[in-house]
Amino acid sequence: VGSDRAFQDMPTRGWRGRLLRRLIGS
């Protein structure tokens, strides 16, 4: 159950998550 692809879809993030990623350039 571990060989299928992962991280294919963009995760839904709240405004805090989006802001933090902007601040650290991620």
PDB file of all heavy atoms in Angstrom:
ATOM      1  N   VAL A   1       0.827  -1.208   0.000  1.00  0.00           N
ATOM      2  CA  VAL A   1       0.000   0.000   0.000  1.00  0.00           C
ATOM      3  C   VAL A   1       0.861   1.257   0.000  1.00  0.00           C
ATOM      4  O   VAL A   1       0.359   2.354   0.210  1.00  0.00           O
ATOM      5  CB  VAL A   1      -0.952   0.019   1.216  1.00  0.00           C
ATOM      6  CG1 VAL A   1      -1.950  -1.121   1.140  1.00  0.00           C
ATOM      7  CG2 VAL A   1      -0.159  -0.034   2.527  1.00  0.00           C
ATOM      8  N   GLY A   2       2.169   1.099  -0.248  1.00  0.00           N
ATOM      9  CA  GLY A   2       3.061   2.245  -0.170  1.00  0.00           C
ATOM     10  C   GLY A   2       3.676   2.702  -1.468  1.00  0.00           C
ATOM     11  O   GLY A   2       4.433   3.673  -1.488  1.00  0.00           O
ATOM     12  N   SER A   3       3.370   2.019  -2.571  1.00  0.00           N
ATOM     13  CA  SER A   3       4.082   2.343  -3.805  1.00  0.00           C
ATOM     14  C   SER A   3       3.330   3.286  -4.730  1.00  0.00           C
ATOM     15  O   SER A   3       3.905   3.795  -5.688  1.00  0.00           O
ATOM     16  CB  SER A   3       4.423   1.054  -4.570  1.00  0.00           C
ATOM     17  OG  SER A   3       3.251   0.335  -4.880  1.00  0.00           O
ATOM     18  N   ASP A   4       2.027   3.516  -4.476  1.00  0.00           N
ATOM     19  CA  ASP A   4       1.301   4.470  -5.322  1.00  0.00           C
ATOM     20  C   ASP A   4       1.832   5.883  -5.121  1.00  0.00           C
ATOM     21  O   ASP A   4       2.327   6.234  -4.044  1.00  0.00           O
ATOM     22  CB  ASP A   4      -0.199   4.429  -4.996  1.00  0.00           C
ATOM     23  CG  ASP A   4      -0.962   3.560  -5.984  1.00  0.00           C
ATOM     24  OD1 ASP A   4      -0.386   3.230  -7.034  1.00  0.00           O
ATOM     25  OD2 ASP A   4      -2.118   3.218  -5.696  1.00  0.00           O
ATOM     26  N   ARG A   5       1.668   6.697  -6.132  1.00  0.00           N
ATOM     27  CA  ARG A   5       2.176   8.063  -6.084  1.00  0.00           C
ATOM     28  C   ARG A   5       1.469   8.878  -4.995  1.00  0.00           C
ATOM     29  O   ARG A   5       0.300   8.660  -4.687  1.00  0.00           O
ATOM     30  CB  ARG A   5       1.985   8.759  -7.434  1.00  0.00           C
ATOM     31  CG  ARG A   5       2.765   8.110  -8.565  1.00  0.00           C
ATOM     32  CD  ARG A   5       2.501   8.806  -9.870  1.00  0.00           C
ATOM     33  NE  ARG A   5       2.946  10.203  -9.825  1.00  0.00           N
ATOM     34  CZ  ARG A   5       2.735  11.070 -10.813  1.00  0.00           C
ATOM     35  NH1 ARG A   5       2.072  10.702 -11.891  1.00  0.00           N
ATOM     36  NH2 ARG A   5       3.183  12.313 -10.709  1.00  0.00           N
ATOM     37  N   ALA A   6       2.213   9.823  -4.434  1.00  0.00           N
ATOM     38  CA  ALA A   6       1.662  10.718  -3.420  1.00  0.00           C
ATOM     39  C   ALA A   6       1.950  12.163  -3.813  1.00  0.00           C
ATOM     40  O   ALA A   6       2.680  12.428  -4.779  1.00  0.00           O
ATOM     41  CB  ALA A   6       2.279  10.418  -2.052  1.00  0.00           C
ATOM     42  N   PHE A   7       1.353  13.106  -3.069  1.00  0.00           N
ATOM     43  CA  PHE A   7       1.572  14.539  -3.288  1.00  0.00           C
ATOM     44  C   PHE A   7       1.179  14.979  -4.694  1.00  0.00           C
ATOM     45  O   PHE A   7       1.821  15.834  -5.293  1.00  0.00           O
ATOM     46  CB  PHE A   7       3.040  14.923  -3.030  1.00  0.00           C
ATOM     47  CG  PHE A   7       3.569  14.497  -1.701  1.00  0.00           C
ATOM     48  CD1 PHE A   7       4.808  13.887  -1.586  1.00  0.00           C
ATOM     49  CD2 PHE A   7       2.826  14.685  -0.549  1.00  0.00           C
ATOM     50  CE1 PHE A   7       5.309  13.490  -0.366  1.00  0.00           C
ATOM     51  CE2 PHE A   7       3.310  14.284   0.694  1.00  0.00           C
ATOM     52  CZ  PHE A   7       4.551  13.685   0.781  1.00  0.00           C
ATOM     53  N   GLN A   8       0.148  14.346  -5.245  1.00  0.00           N
ATOM     54  CA  GLN A   8      -0.268  14.722  -6.600  1.00  0.00           C
ATOM     55  C   GLN A   8      -1.176  15.950  -6.600  1.00  0.00           C
ATOM     56  O   GLN A   8      -1.198  16.696  -7.573  1.00  0.00           O
ATOM     57  CB  GLN A   8      -1.015  13.552  -7.266  1.00  0.00           C
ATOM     58  CG  GLN A   8      -0.147  12.327  -7.461  1.00  0.00           C
ATOM     59  CD  GLN A   8      -0.895  11.248  -8.220  1.00  0.00           C
ATOM     60  OE1 GLN A   8      -0.845  11.189  -9.444  1.00  0.00           O
ATOM     61  NE2 GLN A   8      -1.603  10.404  -7.498  1.00  0.00           N
ATOM     62  N   ASP A   9      -1.919  16.148  -5.530  1.00  0.00           N
ATOM     63  CA  ASP A   9      -2.869  17.262  -5.464  1.00  0.00           C
ATOM     64  C   ASP A   9      -2.348  18.349  -4.532  1.00  0.00           C
ATOM     65  O   ASP A   9      -1.725  18.070  -3.503  1.00  0.00           O
ATOM     66  CB  ASP A   9      -4.240  16.767  -4.968  1.00  0.00           C
ATOM     67  CG  ASP A   9      -4.824  15.711  -5.876  1.00  0.00           C
ATOM     68  OD1 ASP A   9      -4.668  15.838  -7.101  1.00  0.00           O
ATOM     69  OD2 ASP A   9      -5.428  14.749  -5.341  1.00  0.00           O
ATOM     70  N   MET A  10      -2.635  19.606  -4.920  1.00  0.00           N
ATOM     71  CA  MET A  10      -2.273  20.738  -4.081  1.00  0.00           C
ATOM     72  C   MET A  10      -3.095  20.702  -2.794  1.00  0.00           C
ATOM     73  O   MET A  10      -4.317  20.668  -2.840  1.00  0.00           O
ATOM     74  CB  MET A  10      -2.559  22.046  -4.822  1.00  0.00           C
ATOM     75  CG  MET A  10      -2.369  23.289  -3.970  1.00  0.00           C
ATOM     76  SD  MET A  10      -0.705  23.943  -4.046  1.00  0.00           S
ATOM     77  CE  MET A  10      -0.617  24.476  -5.756  1.00  0.00           C
ATOM     78  N   PRO A  11      -2.436  20.680  -1.615  1.00  0.00           N
ATOM     79  CA  PRO A  11      -3.202  20.658  -0.374  1.00  0.00           C
ATOM     80  C   PRO A  11      -3.924  21.976  -0.143  1.00  0.00           C
ATOM     81  O   PRO A  11      -3.448  23.041  -0.550  1.00  0.00           O
ATOM     82  CB  PRO A  11      -2.129  20.417   0.689  1.00  0.00           C
ATOM     83  CG  PRO A  11      -0.860  20.933   0.083  1.00  0.00           C
ATOM     84  CD  PRO A  11      -0.981  20.684  -1.393  1.00  0.00           C
ATOM     85  N   THR A  12      -5.072  21.890   0.494  1.00  0.00           N
ATOM     86  CA  THR A  12      -5.831  23.089   0.835  1.00  0.00           C
ATOM     87  C   THR A  12      -5.228  23.717   2.087  1.00  0.00           C
ATOM     88  O   THR A  12      -5.089  23.052   3.111  1.00  0.00           O
ATOM     89  CB  THR A  12      -7.306  22.736   1.085  1.00  0.00           C
ATOM     90  OG1 THR A  12      -7.837  22.122  -0.091  1.00  0.00           O
ATOM     91  CG2 THR A  12      -8.114  23.981   1.416  1.00  0.00           C
ATOM     92  N   ARG A  13      -4.857  24.998   2.006  1.00  0.00           N
ATOM     93  CA  ARG A  13      -4.198  25.643   3.127  1.00  0.00           C
ATOM     94  C   ARG A  13      -4.987  26.879   3.558  1.00  0.00           C
ATOM     95  O   ARG A  13      -5.563  27.591   2.743  1.00  0.00           O
ATOM     96  CB  ARG A  13      -2.766  26.057   2.768  1.00  0.00           C
ATOM     97  CG  ARG A  13      -1.916  24.899   2.242  1.00  0.00           C
ATOM     98  CD  ARG A  13      -0.448  25.263   2.236  1.00  0.00           C
ATOM     99  NE  ARG A  13       0.357  24.238   1.595  1.00  0.00           N
ATOM    100  CZ  ARG A  13       0.719  23.095   2.154  1.00  0.00           C
ATOM    101  NH1 ARG A  13       0.331  22.844   3.405  1.00  0.00           N
ATOM    102  NH2 ARG A  13       1.436  22.218   1.502  1.00  0.00           N
ATOM    103  N   GLY A  14      -4.973  27.139   4.855  1.00  0.00           N
ATOM    104  CA  GLY A  14      -5.596  28.345   5.383  1.00  0.00           C
ATOM    105  C   GLY A  14      -4.713  29.553   5.152  1.00  0.00           C
ATOM    106  O   GLY A  14      -3.571  29.457   4.674  1.00  0.00           O
ATOM    107  N   TRP A  15      -5.209  30.708   5.532  1.00  0.00           N
ATOM    108  CA  TRP A  15      -4.456  31.935   5.269  1.00  0.00           C
ATOM    109  C   TRP A  15      -3.158  31.972   6.061  1.00  0.00           C
ATOM    110  O   TRP A  15      -2.139  32.506   5.582  1.00  0.00           O
ATOM    111  CB  TRP A  15      -5.317  33.164   5.571  1.00  0.00           C
ATOM    112  CG  TRP A  15      -5.671  33.344   7.034  1.00  0.00           C
ATOM    113  CD1 TRP A  15      -6.754  32.883   7.688  1.00  0.00           C
ATOM    114  CD2 TRP A  15      -4.876  34.051   8.005  1.00  0.00           C
ATOM    115  NE1 TRP A  15      -6.735  33.237   9.002  1.00  0.00           N
ATOM    116  CE2 TRP A  15      -5.575  33.978   9.241  1.00  0.00           C
ATOM    117  CE3 TRP A  15      -3.665  34.746   7.953  1.00  0.00           C
ATOM    118  CZ2 TRP A  15      -5.093  34.553  10.391  1.00  0.00           C
ATOM    119  CZ3 TRP A  15      -3.196  35.327   9.119  1.00  0.00           C
ATOM    120  CH2 TRP A  15      -3.891  35.236  10.321  1.00  0.00           C
ATOM    121  N   ARG A  16      -3.137  31.364   7.263  1.00  0.00           N
ATOM    122  CA  ARG A  16      -1.905  31.358   8.044  1.00  0.00           C
ATOM    123  C   ARG A  16      -0.827  30.535   7.336  1.00  0.00           C
ATOM    124  O   ARG A  16       0.349  30.924   7.286  1.00  0.00           O
ATOM    125  CB  ARG A  16      -2.155  30.779   9.443  1.00  0.00           C
ATOM    126  CG  ARG A  16      -2.973  31.680  10.355  1.00  0.00           C
ATOM    127  CD  ARG A  16      -3.006  31.104  11.761  1.00  0.00           C
ATOM    128  NE  ARG A  16      -3.775  31.932  12.663  1.00  0.00           N
ATOM    129  CZ  ARG A  16      -5.086  31.831  12.832  1.00  0.00           C
ATOM    130  NH1 ARG A  16      -5.778  30.912  12.149  1.00  0.00           N
ATOM    131  NH2 ARG A  16      -5.732  32.634  13.687  1.00  0.00           N
ATOM    132  N   GLY A  17      -1.250  29.368   6.783  1.00  0.00           N
ATOM    133  CA  GLY A  17      -0.299  28.533   6.069  1.00  0.00           C
ATOM    134  C   GLY A  17       0.246  29.208   4.831  1.00  0.00           C
ATOM    135  O   GLY A  17       1.445  29.138   4.535  1.00  0.00           O
ATOM    136  N   ARG A  18      -0.636  29.886   4.088  1.00  0.00           N
ATOM    137  CA  ARG A  18      -0.179  30.584   2.881  1.00  0.00           C
ATOM    138  C   ARG A  18       0.769  31.718   3.229  1.00  0.00           C
ATOM    139  O   ARG A  18       1.793  31.928   2.570  1.00  0.00           O
ATOM    140  CB  ARG A  18      -1.386  31.105   2.094  1.00  0.00           C
ATOM    141  CG  ARG A  18      -2.290  29.991   1.548  1.00  0.00           C
ATOM    142  CD  ARG A  18      -3.259  30.531   0.505  1.00  0.00           C
ATOM    143  NE  ARG A  18      -4.116  31.585   1.050  1.00  0.00           N
ATOM    144  CZ  ARG A  18      -5.281  31.347   1.640  1.00  0.00           C
ATOM    145  NH1 ARG A  18      -5.718  30.089   1.787  1.00  0.00           N
ATOM    146  NH2 ARG A  18      -6.020  32.336   2.091  1.00  0.00           N
ATOM    147  N   LEU A  19       0.428  32.473   4.323  1.00  0.00           N
ATOM    148  CA  LEU A  19       1.273  33.586   4.734  1.00  0.00           C
ATOM    149  C   LEU A  19       2.645  33.091   5.187  1.00  0.00           C
ATOM    150  O   LEU A  19       3.685  33.685   4.822  1.00  0.00           O
ATOM    151  CB  LEU A  19       0.589  34.358   5.867  1.00  0.00           C
ATOM    152  CG  LEU A  19       1.390  35.530   6.468  1.00  0.00           C
ATOM    153  CD1 LEU A  19       1.676  36.570   5.376  1.00  0.00           C
ATOM    154  CD2 LEU A  19       0.631  36.157   7.633  1.00  0.00           C
ATOM    155  N   LEU A  20       2.673  32.017   5.971  1.00  0.00           N
ATOM    156  CA  LEU A  20       3.948  31.502   6.451  1.00  0.00           C
ATOM    157  C   LEU A  20       4.847  31.088   5.285  1.00  0.00           C
ATOM    158  O   LEU A  20       6.057  31.364   5.293  1.00  0.00           O
ATOM    159  CB  LEU A  20       3.687  30.305   7.375  1.00  0.00           C
ATOM    160  CG  LEU A  20       4.931  29.607   7.936  1.00  0.00           C
ATOM    161  CD1 LEU A  20       5.766  30.577   8.764  1.00  0.00           C
ATOM    162  CD2 LEU A  20       4.540  28.393   8.777  1.00  0.00           C
ATOM    163  N   ARG A  21       4.276  30.433   4.286  1.00  0.00           N
ATOM    164  CA  ARG A  21       5.084  30.008   3.147  1.00  0.00           C
ATOM    165  C   ARG A  21       5.617  31.200   2.346  1.00  0.00           C
ATOM    166  O   ARG A  21       6.714  31.147   1.800  1.00  0.00           O
ATOM    167  CB  ARG A  21       4.263  29.052   2.265  1.00  0.00           C
ATOM    168  CG  ARG A  21       4.290  27.625   2.810  1.00  0.00           C
ATOM    169  CD  ARG A  21       3.248  26.728   2.204  1.00  0.00           C
ATOM    170  NE  ARG A  21       3.466  25.345   2.642  1.00  0.00           N
ATOM    171  CZ  ARG A  21       3.197  24.889   3.866  1.00  0.00           C
ATOM    172  NH1 ARG A  21       2.700  25.713   4.771  1.00  0.00           N
ATOM    173  NH2 ARG A  21       3.436  23.635   4.177  1.00  0.00           N
ATOM    174  N   ARG A  22       4.821  32.254   2.273  1.00  0.00           N
ATOM    175  CA  ARG A  22       5.324  33.459   1.597  1.00  0.00           C
ATOM    176  C   ARG A  22       6.506  34.042   2.369  1.00  0.00           C
ATOM    177  O   ARG A  22       7.507  34.462   1.779  1.00  0.00           O
ATOM    178  CB  ARG A  22       4.203  34.495   1.486  1.00  0.00           C
ATOM    179  CG  ARG A  22       3.138  34.168   0.459  1.00  0.00           C
ATOM    180  CD  ARG A  22       2.340  35.414   0.073  1.00  0.00           C
ATOM    181  NE  ARG A  22       1.143  35.072  -0.667  1.00  0.00           N
ATOM    182  CZ  ARG A  22      -0.068  34.971  -0.137  1.00  0.00           C
ATOM    183  NH1 ARG A  22      -0.242  35.229   1.162  1.00  0.00           N
ATOM    184  NH2 ARG A  22      -1.107  34.665  -0.880  1.00  0.00           N
ATOM    185  N   LEU A  23       6.381  34.080   3.682  1.00  0.00           N
ATOM    186  CA  LEU A  23       7.429  34.676   4.501  1.00  0.00           C
ATOM    187  C   LEU A  23       8.748  33.920   4.380  1.00  0.00           C
ATOM    188  O   LEU A  23       9.833  34.523   4.392  1.00  0.00           O
ATOM    189  CB  LEU A  23       6.985  34.721   5.965  1.00  0.00           C
ATOM    190  CG  LEU A  23       5.871  35.724   6.298  1.00  0.00           C
ATOM    191  CD1 LEU A  23       5.430  35.584   7.753  1.00  0.00           C
ATOM    192  CD2 LEU A  23       6.349  37.160   6.025  1.00  0.00           C
ATOM    193  N   ILE A  24       8.686  32.576   4.300  1.00  0.00           N
ATOM    194  CA  ILE A  24       9.921  31.788   4.229  1.00  0.00           C
ATOM    195  C   ILE A  24      10.306  31.451   2.797  1.00  0.00           C
ATOM    196  O   ILE A  24      11.310  30.762   2.561  1.00  0.00           O
ATOM    197  CB  ILE A  24       9.791  30.495   5.054  1.00  0.00           C
ATOM    198  CG1 ILE A  24       8.718  29.569   4.464  1.00  0.00           C
ATOM    199  CG2 ILE A  24       9.513  30.796   6.504  1.00  0.00           C
ATOM    200  CD1 ILE A  24       8.627  28.218   5.160  1.00  0.00           C
ATOM    201  N   GLY A  25       9.503  31.927   1.830  1.00  0.00           N
ATOM    202  CA  GLY A  25       9.831  31.692   0.430  1.00  0.00           C
ATOM    203  C   GLY A  25       9.637  30.272  -0.027  1.00  0.00           C
ATOM    204  O   GLY A  25      10.331  29.802  -0.929  1.00  0.00           O
ATOM    205  N   SER A  26       8.682  29.573   0.594  1.00  0.00           N
ATOM    206  CA  SER A  26       8.430  28.176   0.230  1.00  0.00           C
ATOM    207  C   SER A  26       7.253  28.100  -0.736  1.00  0.00           C
ATOM    208  O   SER A  26       6.252  28.799  -0.546  1.00  0.00           O
ATOM    209  CB  SER A  26       8.119  27.356   1.483  1.00  0.00           C
ATOM    210  OG  SER A  26       7.742  26.041   1.150  1.00  0.00           O
TER     211      SER A  26
END
